[in-house]
Amino acid sequence: MRPQYCGGFREVMSAFYIAKDQINKSLITEYAKLCPVAVQKRLGWMLEKLGIEDINKLILIPKSHTMDKLDIAAPRRGKYNPVWMVLENY
């Protein structure tokens, strides 16, 4: 939820990449439900990119008309991902 405290979006992505084989899908799904929708979108996108199977069936984001940036510190430009409703601006 606060990437500025852990080095930014790229550092978070790197940490998830290193630990991808140890991720407990059911536990991370429960944690995701406690987070704001924007964080759920970013997490779902990240886990999908890491090859975590069926993550889009586990993290069900509520219908949203808001497109959120992946990297909140980066400029608002990049490719739009309609599945997770995020702007890939990393």
PDB file of N, CA and C in Angstrom:
ATOM      1  N   MET A   1       0.810  -1.197   0.000  1.00  0.00           N
ATOM      2  CA  MET A   1       0.000   0.000   0.000  1.00  0.00           C
ATOM      3  C   MET A   1       0.856   1.265   0.000  1.00  0.00           C
ATOM      4  N   ARG A   2       2.063   1.182   0.525  1.00  0.00           N
ATOM      5  CA  ARG A   2       2.933   2.361   0.597  1.00  0.00           C
ATOM      6  C   ARG A   2       4.323   2.024   0.038  1.00  0.00           C
ATOM      7  N   PRO A   3       4.424   1.963  -1.288  1.00  0.00           N
ATOM      8  CA  PRO A   3       5.700   1.556  -1.894  1.00  0.00           C
ATOM      9  C   PRO A   3       6.861   2.487  -1.587  1.00  0.00           C
ATOM     10  N   GLN A   4       6.574   3.731  -1.222  1.00  0.00           N
ATOM     11  CA  GLN A   4       7.655   4.667  -0.915  1.00  0.00           C
ATOM     12  C   GLN A   4       8.466   4.228   0.300  1.00  0.00           C
ATOM     13  N   TYR A   5       7.879   3.376   1.147  1.00  0.00           N
ATOM     14  CA  TYR A   5       8.579   2.898   2.332  1.00  0.00           C
ATOM     15  C   TYR A   5       9.423   1.652   2.057  1.00  0.00           C
ATOM     16  N   CYS A   6       9.334   1.131   0.854  1.00  0.00           N
ATOM     17  CA  CYS A   6      10.120  -0.078   0.550  1.00  0.00           C
ATOM     18  C   CYS A   6      10.880   0.057  -0.763  1.00  0.00           C
ATOM     19  N   GLY A   7      11.155   1.266  -1.182  1.00  0.00           N
ATOM     20  CA  GLY A   7      11.994   1.463  -2.348  1.00  0.00           C
ATOM     21  C   GLY A   7      11.261   1.734  -3.641  1.00  0.00           C
ATOM     22  N   GLY A   8       9.953   1.755  -3.638  1.00  0.00           N
ATOM     23  CA  GLY A   8       9.186   2.041  -4.850  1.00  0.00           C
ATOM     24  C   GLY A   8       8.625   0.801  -5.508  1.00  0.00           C
ATOM     25  N   PHE A   9       7.879   1.032  -6.577  1.00  0.00           N
ATOM     26  CA  PHE A   9       7.166  -0.055  -7.252  1.00  0.00           C
ATOM     27  C   PHE A   9       8.110  -1.129  -7.788  1.00  0.00           C
ATOM     28  N   ARG A  10       9.220  -0.723  -8.371  1.00  0.00           N
ATOM     29  CA  ARG A  10      10.158  -1.707  -8.947  1.00  0.00           C
ATOM     30  C   ARG A  10      10.743  -2.622  -7.868  1.00  0.00           C
ATOM     31  N   GLU A  11      11.022  -2.072  -6.702  1.00  0.00           N
ATOM     32  CA  GLU A  11      11.543  -2.890  -5.604  1.00  0.00           C
ATOM     33  C   GLU A  11      10.493  -3.890  -5.123  1.00  0.00           C
ATOM     34  N   VAL A  12       9.247  -3.441  -5.051  1.00  0.00           N
ATOM     35  CA  VAL A  12       8.161  -4.338  -4.655  1.00  0.00           C
ATOM     36  C   VAL A  12       8.038  -5.462  -5.677  1.00  0.00           C
ATOM     37  N   MET A  13       8.063  -5.111  -6.957  1.00  0.00           N
ATOM     38  CA  MET A  13       7.971  -6.111  -8.026  1.00  0.00           C
ATOM     39  C   MET A  13       9.140  -7.090  -7.936  1.00  0.00           C
ATOM     40  N   SER A  14      10.332  -6.590  -7.671  1.00  0.00           N
ATOM     41  CA  SER A  14      11.510  -7.446  -7.540  1.00  0.00           C
ATOM     42  C   SER A  14      11.365  -8.409  -6.370  1.00  0.00           C
ATOM     43  N   ALA A  15      10.861  -7.915  -5.249  1.00  0.00           N
ATOM     44  CA  ALA A  15      10.674  -8.774  -4.071  1.00  0.00           C
ATOM     45  C   ALA A  15       9.664  -9.885  -4.361  1.00  0.00           C
ATOM     46  N   PHE A  16       8.580  -9.541  -5.033  1.00  0.00           N
ATOM     47  CA  PHE A  16       7.597 -10.560  -5.395  1.00  0.00           C
ATOM     48  C   PHE A  16       8.198 -11.574  -6.371  1.00  0.00           C
ATOM     49  N   TYR A  17       9.038 -11.100  -7.305  1.00  0.00           N
ATOM     50  CA  TYR A  17       9.671 -12.007  -8.261  1.00  0.00           C
ATOM     51  C   TYR A  17      10.577 -13.014  -7.539  1.00  0.00           C
ATOM     52  N   ILE A  18      11.350 -12.531  -6.592  1.00  0.00           N
ATOM     53  CA  ILE A  18      12.259 -13.400  -5.843  1.00  0.00           C
ATOM     54  C   ILE A  18      11.488 -14.453  -5.047  1.00  0.00           C
ATOM     55  N   ALA A  19      10.346 -14.069  -4.507  1.00  0.00           N
ATOM     56  CA  ALA A  19       9.569 -14.967  -3.638  1.00  0.00           C
ATOM     57  C   ALA A  19       8.398 -15.648  -4.351  1.00  0.00           C
ATOM     58  N   LYS A  20       8.333 -15.557  -5.685  1.00  0.00           N
ATOM     59  CA  LYS A  20       7.144 -16.035  -6.400  1.00  0.00           C
ATOM     60  C   LYS A  20       6.819 -17.509  -6.160  1.00  0.00           C
ATOM     61  N   ASP A  21       7.805 -18.340  -5.922  1.00  0.00           N
ATOM     62  CA  ASP A  21       7.552 -19.762  -5.683  1.00  0.00           C
ATOM     63  C   ASP A  21       7.068 -20.038  -4.263  1.00  0.00           C
ATOM     64  N   GLN A  22       7.128 -19.046  -3.409  1.00  0.00           N
ATOM     65  CA  GLN A  22       6.721 -19.209  -2.017  1.00  0.00           C
ATOM     66  C   GLN A  22       5.393 -18.523  -1.711  1.00  0.00           C
ATOM     67  N   ILE A  23       4.771 -17.920  -2.712  1.00  0.00           N
ATOM     68  CA  ILE A  23       3.536 -17.176  -2.492  1.00  0.00           C
ATOM     69  C   ILE A  23       2.380 -18.129  -2.224  1.00  0.00           C
ATOM     70  N   ASN A  24       1.699 -17.900  -1.130  1.00  0.00           N
ATOM     71  CA  ASN A  24       0.510 -18.662  -0.761  1.00  0.00           C
ATOM     72  C   ASN A  24      -0.692 -17.912  -1.349  1.00  0.00           C
ATOM     73  N   LYS A  25      -1.272 -18.456  -2.434  1.00  0.00           N
ATOM     74  CA  LYS A  25      -2.340 -17.747  -3.142  1.00  0.00           C
ATOM     75  C   LYS A  25      -3.552 -17.460  -2.264  1.00  0.00           C
ATOM     76  N   SER A  26      -3.940 -18.412  -1.454  1.00  0.00           N
ATOM     77  CA  SER A  26      -5.141 -18.185  -0.642  1.00  0.00           C
ATOM     78  C   SER A  26      -4.888 -17.129   0.434  1.00  0.00           C
ATOM     79  N   LEU A  27      -3.707 -17.123   1.016  1.00  0.00           N
ATOM     80  CA  LEU A  27      -3.383 -16.136   2.046  1.00  0.00           C
ATOM     81  C   LEU A  27      -3.271 -14.734   1.453  1.00  0.00           C
ATOM     82  N   ILE A  28      -2.591 -14.614   0.332  1.00  0.00           N
ATOM     83  CA  ILE A  28      -2.428 -13.289  -0.272  1.00  0.00           C
ATOM     84  C   ILE A  28      -3.771 -12.758  -0.773  1.00  0.00           C
ATOM     85  N   THR A  29      -4.657 -13.658  -1.169  1.00  0.00           N
ATOM     86  CA  THR A  29      -5.998 -13.251  -1.582  1.00  0.00           C
ATOM     87  C   THR A  29      -6.775 -12.680  -0.405  1.00  0.00           C
ATOM     88  N   GLU A  30      -6.648 -13.308   0.751  1.00  0.00           N
ATOM     89  CA  GLU A  30      -7.319 -12.796   1.953  1.00  0.00           C
ATOM     90  C   GLU A  30      -6.757 -11.430   2.359  1.00  0.00           C
ATOM     91  N   TYR A  31      -5.443 -11.265   2.274  1.00  0.00           N
ATOM     92  CA  TYR A  31      -4.833  -9.973   2.580  1.00  0.00           C
ATOM     93  C   TYR A  31      -5.303  -8.904   1.586  1.00  0.00           C
ATOM     94  N   ALA A  32      -5.406  -9.290   0.319  1.00  0.00           N
ATOM     95  CA  ALA A  32      -5.823  -8.336  -0.712  1.00  0.00           C
ATOM     96  C   ALA A  32      -7.206  -7.765  -0.418  1.00  0.00           C
ATOM     97  N   LYS A  33      -8.089  -8.578   0.123  1.00  0.00           N
ATOM     98  CA  LYS A  33      -9.449  -8.126   0.430  1.00  0.00           C
ATOM     99  C   LYS A  33      -9.466  -7.020   1.483  1.00  0.00           C
ATOM    100  N   LEU A  34      -8.405  -6.917   2.269  1.00  0.00           N
ATOM    101  CA  LEU A  34      -8.306  -5.900   3.307  1.00  0.00           C
ATOM    102  C   LEU A  34      -7.734  -4.577   2.789  1.00  0.00           C
ATOM    103  N   CYS A  35      -7.261  -4.594   1.564  1.00  0.00           N
ATOM    104  CA  CYS A  35      -6.598  -3.427   0.979  1.00  0.00           C
ATOM    105  C   CYS A  35      -7.567  -2.624   0.111  1.00  0.00           C
ATOM    106  N   PRO A  36      -7.221  -1.367  -0.149  1.00  0.00           N
ATOM    107  CA  PRO A  36      -8.018  -0.567  -1.086  1.00  0.00           C
ATOM    108  C   PRO A  36      -8.041  -1.198  -2.478  1.00  0.00           C
ATOM    109  N   VAL A  37      -9.054  -0.877  -3.255  1.00  0.00           N
ATOM    110  CA  VAL A  37      -9.232  -1.466  -4.587  1.00  0.00           C
ATOM    111  C   VAL A  37      -8.011  -1.218  -5.473  1.00  0.00           C
ATOM    112  N   ALA A  38      -7.422  -0.030  -5.414  1.00  0.00           N
ATOM    113  CA  ALA A  38      -6.249   0.276  -6.241  1.00  0.00           C
ATOM    114  C   ALA A  38      -5.105  -0.685  -5.939  1.00  0.00           C
ATOM    115  N   VAL A  39      -4.899  -1.016  -4.687  1.00  0.00           N
ATOM    116  CA  VAL A  39      -3.844  -1.956  -4.298  1.00  0.00           C
ATOM    117  C   VAL A  39      -4.184  -3.361  -4.806  1.00  0.00           C
ATOM    118  N   GLN A  40      -5.443  -3.736  -4.746  1.00  0.00           N
ATOM    119  CA  GLN A  40      -5.860  -5.043  -5.249  1.00  0.00           C
ATOM    120  C   GLN A  40      -5.582  -5.155  -6.746  1.00  0.00           C
ATOM    121  N   LYS A  41      -5.842  -4.081  -7.473  1.00  0.00           N
ATOM    122  CA  LYS A  41      -5.577  -4.076  -8.916  1.00  0.00           C
ATOM    123  C   LYS A  41      -4.085  -4.262  -9.190  1.00  0.00           C
ATOM    124  N   ARG A  42      -3.258  -3.495  -8.480  1.00  0.00           N
ATOM    125  CA  ARG A  42      -1.808  -3.594  -8.684  1.00  0.00           C
ATOM    126  C   ARG A  42      -1.293  -4.983  -8.321  1.00  0.00           C
ATOM    127  N   LEU A  43      -1.779  -5.521  -7.228  1.00  0.00           N
ATOM    128  CA  LEU A  43      -1.351  -6.852  -6.791  1.00  0.00           C
ATOM    129  C   LEU A  43      -1.764  -7.908  -7.803  1.00  0.00           C
ATOM    130  N   GLY A  44      -2.996  -7.849  -8.265  1.00  0.00           N
ATOM    131  CA  GLY A  44      -3.467  -8.805  -9.268  1.00  0.00           C
ATOM    132  C   GLY A  44      -2.645  -8.738 -10.534  1.00  0.00           C
ATOM    133  N   TRP A  45      -2.368  -7.522 -10.999  1.00  0.00           N
ATOM    134  CA  TRP A  45      -1.558  -7.344 -12.203  1.00  0.00           C
ATOM    135  C   TRP A  45      -0.169  -7.945 -11.998  1.00  0.00           C
ATOM    136  N   MET A  46       0.433  -7.638 -10.851  1.00  0.00           N
ATOM    137  CA  MET A  46       1.784  -8.103 -10.559  1.00  0.00           C
ATOM    138  C   MET A  46       1.851  -9.629 -10.509  1.00  0.00           C
ATOM    139  N   LEU A  47       0.920 -10.245  -9.810  1.00  0.00           N
ATOM    140  CA  LEU A  47       0.928 -11.705  -9.691  1.00  0.00           C
ATOM    141  C   LEU A  47       0.657 -12.373 -11.027  1.00  0.00           C
ATOM    142  N   GLU A  48      -0.180 -11.754 -11.847  1.00  0.00           N
ATOM    143  CA  GLU A  48      -0.420 -12.301 -13.189  1.00  0.00           C
ATOM    144  C   GLU A  48       0.859 -12.250 -14.024  1.00  0.00           C
ATOM    145  N   LYS A  49       1.575 -11.131 -13.951  1.00  0.00           N
ATOM    146  CA  LYS A  49       2.833 -10.991 -14.698  1.00  0.00           C
ATOM    147  C   LYS A  49       3.886 -11.993 -14.227  1.00  0.00           C
ATOM    148  N   LEU A  50       3.812 -12.390 -12.967  1.00  0.00           N
ATOM    149  CA  LEU A  50       4.762 -13.355 -12.423  1.00  0.00           C
ATOM    150  C   LEU A  50       4.367 -14.801 -12.750  1.00  0.00           C
ATOM    151  N   GLY A  51       3.229 -14.968 -13.402  1.00  0.00           N
ATOM    152  CA  GLY A  51       2.818 -16.296 -13.826  1.00  0.00           C
ATOM    153  C   GLY A  51       2.043 -17.077 -12.774  1.00  0.00           C
ATOM    154  N   ILE A  52       1.516 -16.396 -11.777  1.00  0.00           N
ATOM    155  CA  ILE A  52       0.691 -17.071 -10.773  1.00  0.00           C
ATOM    156  C   ILE A  52      -0.633 -17.418 -11.446  1.00  0.00           C
ATOM    157  N   GLU A  53      -0.920 -18.698 -11.567  1.00  0.00           N
ATOM    158  CA  GLU A  53      -2.094 -19.155 -12.311  1.00  0.00           C
ATOM    159  C   GLU A  53      -3.393 -18.812 -11.604  1.00  0.00           C
ATOM    160  N   ASP A  54      -4.394 -18.506 -12.387  1.00  0.00           N
ATOM    161  CA  ASP A  54      -5.764 -18.251 -11.934  1.00  0.00           C
ATOM    162  C   ASP A  54      -5.886 -17.103 -10.945  1.00  0.00           C
ATOM    163  N   ILE A  55      -4.937 -16.189 -10.931  1.00  0.00           N
ATOM    164  CA  ILE A  55      -5.007 -15.097  -9.961  1.00  0.00           C
ATOM    165  C   ILE A  55      -6.200 -14.191 -10.254  1.00  0.00           C
ATOM    166  N   ASN A  56      -6.577 -14.068 -11.537  1.00  0.00           N
ATOM    167  CA  ASN A  56      -7.725 -13.221 -11.862  1.00  0.00           C
ATOM    168  C   ASN A  56      -9.041 -13.840 -11.402  1.00  0.00           C
ATOM    169  N   LYS A  57      -9.026 -15.113 -11.040  1.00  0.00           N
ATOM    170  CA  LYS A  57     -10.212 -15.758 -10.471  1.00  0.00           C
ATOM    171  C   LYS A  57     -10.214 -15.657  -8.952  1.00  0.00           C
ATOM    172  N   LEU A  58      -9.044 -15.404  -8.363  1.00  0.00           N
ATOM    173  CA  LEU A  58      -8.925 -15.304  -6.908  1.00  0.00           C
ATOM    174  C   LEU A  58      -9.077 -13.873  -6.412  1.00  0.00           C
ATOM    175  N   ILE A  59      -8.460 -12.946  -7.130  1.00  0.00           N
ATOM    176  CA  ILE A  59      -8.583 -11.541  -6.753  1.00  0.00           C
ATOM    177  C   ILE A  59      -9.652 -10.937  -7.650  1.00  0.00           C
ATOM    178  N   LEU A  60     -10.822 -10.784  -7.101  1.00  0.00           N
ATOM    179  CA  LEU A  60     -11.949 -10.237  -7.840  1.00  0.00           C
ATOM    180  C   LEU A  60     -12.140  -8.791  -7.411  1.00  0.00           C
ATOM    181  N   ILE A  61     -11.717  -7.891  -8.278  1.00  0.00           N
ATOM    182  CA  ILE A  61     -11.841  -6.478  -7.930  1.00  0.00           C
ATOM    183  C   ILE A  61     -13.271  -6.020  -8.212  1.00  0.00           C
ATOM    184  N   PRO A  62     -13.789  -5.184  -7.341  1.00  0.00           N
ATOM    185  CA  PRO A  62     -15.124  -4.652  -7.597  1.00  0.00           C
ATOM    186  C   PRO A  62     -15.124  -3.831  -8.885  1.00  0.00           C
ATOM    187  N   LYS A  63     -16.266  -3.742  -9.516  1.00  0.00           N
ATOM    188  CA  LYS A  63     -16.363  -2.932 -10.729  1.00  0.00           C
ATOM    189  C   LYS A  63     -15.927  -1.516 -10.405  1.00  0.00           C
ATOM    190  N   SER A  64     -15.049  -1.014 -11.230  1.00  0.00           N
ATOM    191  CA  SER A  64     -14.486   0.304 -10.995  1.00  0.00           C
ATOM    192  C   SER A  64     -14.382   1.028 -12.322  1.00  0.00           C
ATOM    193  N   HIS A  65     -14.643   2.294 -12.307  1.00  0.00           N
ATOM    194  CA  HIS A  65     -14.501   3.104 -13.516  1.00  0.00           C
ATOM    195  C   HIS A  65     -13.222   3.915 -13.465  1.00  0.00           C
ATOM    196  N   THR A  66     -12.431   3.652 -12.442  1.00  0.00           N
ATOM    197  CA  THR A  66     -11.193   4.391 -12.250  1.00  0.00           C
ATOM    198  C   THR A  66     -10.004   3.580 -12.730  1.00  0.00           C
ATOM    199  N   MET A  67      -9.157   4.214 -13.511  1.00  0.00           N
ATOM    200  CA  MET A  67      -7.921   3.584 -13.926  1.00  0.00           C
ATOM    201  C   MET A  67      -6.836   4.074 -12.974  1.00  0.00           C
ATOM    202  N   ASP A  68      -6.135   3.135 -12.354  1.00  0.00           N
ATOM    203  CA  ASP A  68      -5.079   3.490 -11.405  1.00  0.00           C
ATOM    204  C   ASP A  68      -3.715   3.234 -12.018  1.00  0.00           C
ATOM    205  N   LYS A  69      -2.744   4.074 -11.647  1.00  0.00           N
ATOM    206  CA  LYS A  69      -1.378   3.883 -12.120  1.00  0.00           C
ATOM    207  C   LYS A  69      -0.733   2.740 -11.336  1.00  0.00           C
ATOM    208  N   LEU A  70       0.100   1.950 -12.010  1.00  0.00           N
ATOM    209  CA  LEU A  70       0.849   0.910 -11.302  1.00  0.00           C
ATOM    210  C   LEU A  70       1.846   1.554 -10.358  1.00  0.00           C
ATOM    211  N   ASP A  71       2.636   2.448 -10.893  1.00  0.00           N
ATOM    212  CA  ASP A  71       3.634   3.152 -10.083  1.00  0.00           C
ATOM    213  C   ASP A  71       3.086   4.537  -9.780  1.00  0.00           C
ATOM    214  N   ILE A  72       2.683   4.738  -8.538  1.00  0.00           N
ATOM    215  CA  ILE A  72       2.035   6.005  -8.194  1.00  0.00           C
ATOM    216  C   ILE A  72       2.984   7.191  -8.304  1.00  0.00           C
ATOM    217  N   ALA A  73       4.288   6.957  -8.280  1.00  0.00           N
ATOM    218  CA  ALA A  73       5.260   8.042  -8.359  1.00  0.00           C
ATOM    219  C   ALA A  73       5.632   8.387  -9.801  1.00  0.00           C
ATOM    220  N   ALA A  74       5.312   7.521 -10.749  1.00  0.00           N
ATOM    221  CA  ALA A  74       5.688   7.734 -12.150  1.00  0.00           C
ATOM    222  C   ALA A  74       4.617   8.558 -12.874  1.00  0.00           C
ATOM    223  N   PRO A  75       5.001   9.167 -13.996  1.00  0.00           N
ATOM    224  CA  PRO A  75       4.037   9.961 -14.765  1.00  0.00           C
ATOM    225  C   PRO A  75       2.870   9.104 -15.278  1.00  0.00           C
ATOM    226  N   ARG A  76       1.767   9.761 -15.570  1.00  0.00           N
ATOM    227  CA  ARG A  76       0.567   9.090 -16.062  1.00  0.00           C
ATOM    228  C   ARG A  76       0.679   8.898 -17.575  1.00  0.00           C
ATOM    229  N   ARG A  77       1.489   7.927 -17.968  1.00  0.00           N
ATOM    230  CA  ARG A  77       1.590   7.556 -19.387  1.00  0.00           C
ATOM    231  C   ARG A  77       2.004   6.096 -19.445  1.00  0.00           C
ATOM    232  N   GLY A  78       1.596   5.439 -20.490  1.00  0.00           N
ATOM    233  CA  GLY A  78       1.895   4.030 -20.652  1.00  0.00           C
ATOM    234  C   GLY A  78       0.707   3.300 -21.244  1.00  0.00           C
ATOM    235  N   LYS A  79       0.766   2.007 -21.192  1.00  0.00           N
ATOM    236  CA  LYS A  79      -0.265   1.158 -21.782  1.00  0.00           C
ATOM    237  C   LYS A  79      -1.362   0.870 -20.751  1.00  0.00           C
ATOM    238  N   TYR A  80      -2.599   0.933 -21.189  1.00  0.00           N
ATOM    239  CA  TYR A  80      -3.738   0.656 -20.328  1.00  0.00           C
ATOM    240  C   TYR A  80      -4.032  -0.845 -20.340  1.00  0.00           C
ATOM    241  N   ASN A  81      -4.186  -1.429 -19.169  1.00  0.00           N
ATOM    242  CA  ASN A  81      -4.529  -2.845 -19.039  1.00  0.00           C
ATOM    243  C   ASN A  81      -6.003  -2.928 -18.635  1.00  0.00           C
ATOM    244  N   PRO A  82      -6.886  -3.354 -19.573  1.00  0.00           N
ATOM    245  CA  PRO A  82      -8.319  -3.372 -19.280  1.00  0.00           C
ATOM    246  C   PRO A  82      -8.742  -4.471 -18.302  1.00  0.00           C
ATOM    247  N   VAL A  83      -7.941  -5.519 -18.156  1.00  0.00           N
ATOM    248  CA  VAL A  83      -8.293  -6.602 -17.242  1.00  0.00           C
ATOM    249  C   VAL A  83      -8.206  -6.123 -15.800  1.00  0.00           C
ATOM    250  N   TRP A  84      -7.102  -5.479 -15.456  1.00  0.00           N
ATOM    251  CA  TRP A  84      -6.887  -5.011 -14.084  1.00  0.00           C
ATOM    252  C   TRP A  84      -7.204  -3.527 -13.921  1.00  0.00           C
ATOM    253  N   MET A  85      -7.535  -2.860 -15.014  1.00  0.00           N
ATOM    254  CA  MET A  85      -7.853  -1.426 -15.005  1.00  0.00           C
ATOM    255  C   MET A  85      -6.728  -0.613 -14.382  1.00  0.00           C
ATOM    256  N   VAL A  86      -5.517  -0.874 -14.881  1.00  0.00           N
ATOM    257  CA  VAL A  86      -4.348  -0.132 -14.420  1.00  0.00           C
ATOM    258  C   VAL A  86      -3.600   0.434 -15.626  1.00  0.00           C
ATOM    259  N   LEU A  87      -2.872   1.494 -15.377  1.00  0.00           N
ATOM    260  CA  LEU A  87      -2.006   2.076 -16.373  1.00  0.00           C
ATOM    261  C   LEU A  87      -0.598   1.541 -16.120  1.00  0.00           C
ATOM    262  N   GLU A  88      -0.050   0.825 -17.085  1.00  0.00           N
ATOM    263  CA  GLU A  88       1.272   0.211 -16.946  1.00  0.00           C
ATOM    264  C   GLU A  88       2.338   1.272 -17.173  1.00  0.00           C
ATOM    265  N   ASN A  89       2.625   2.023 -16.158  1.00  0.00           N
ATOM    266  CA  ASN A  89       3.549   3.158 -16.255  1.00  0.00           C
ATOM    267  C   ASN A  89       4.844   2.933 -15.484  1.00  0.00           C
ATOM    268  N   TYR A  90       5.224   1.721 -15.271  1.00  0.00           N
ATOM    269  CA  TYR A  90       6.415   1.409 -14.488  1.00  0.00           C
ATOM    270  C   TYR A  90       7.684   1.544 -15.283  1.00  0.00           C
TER     271      TYR A  90
END
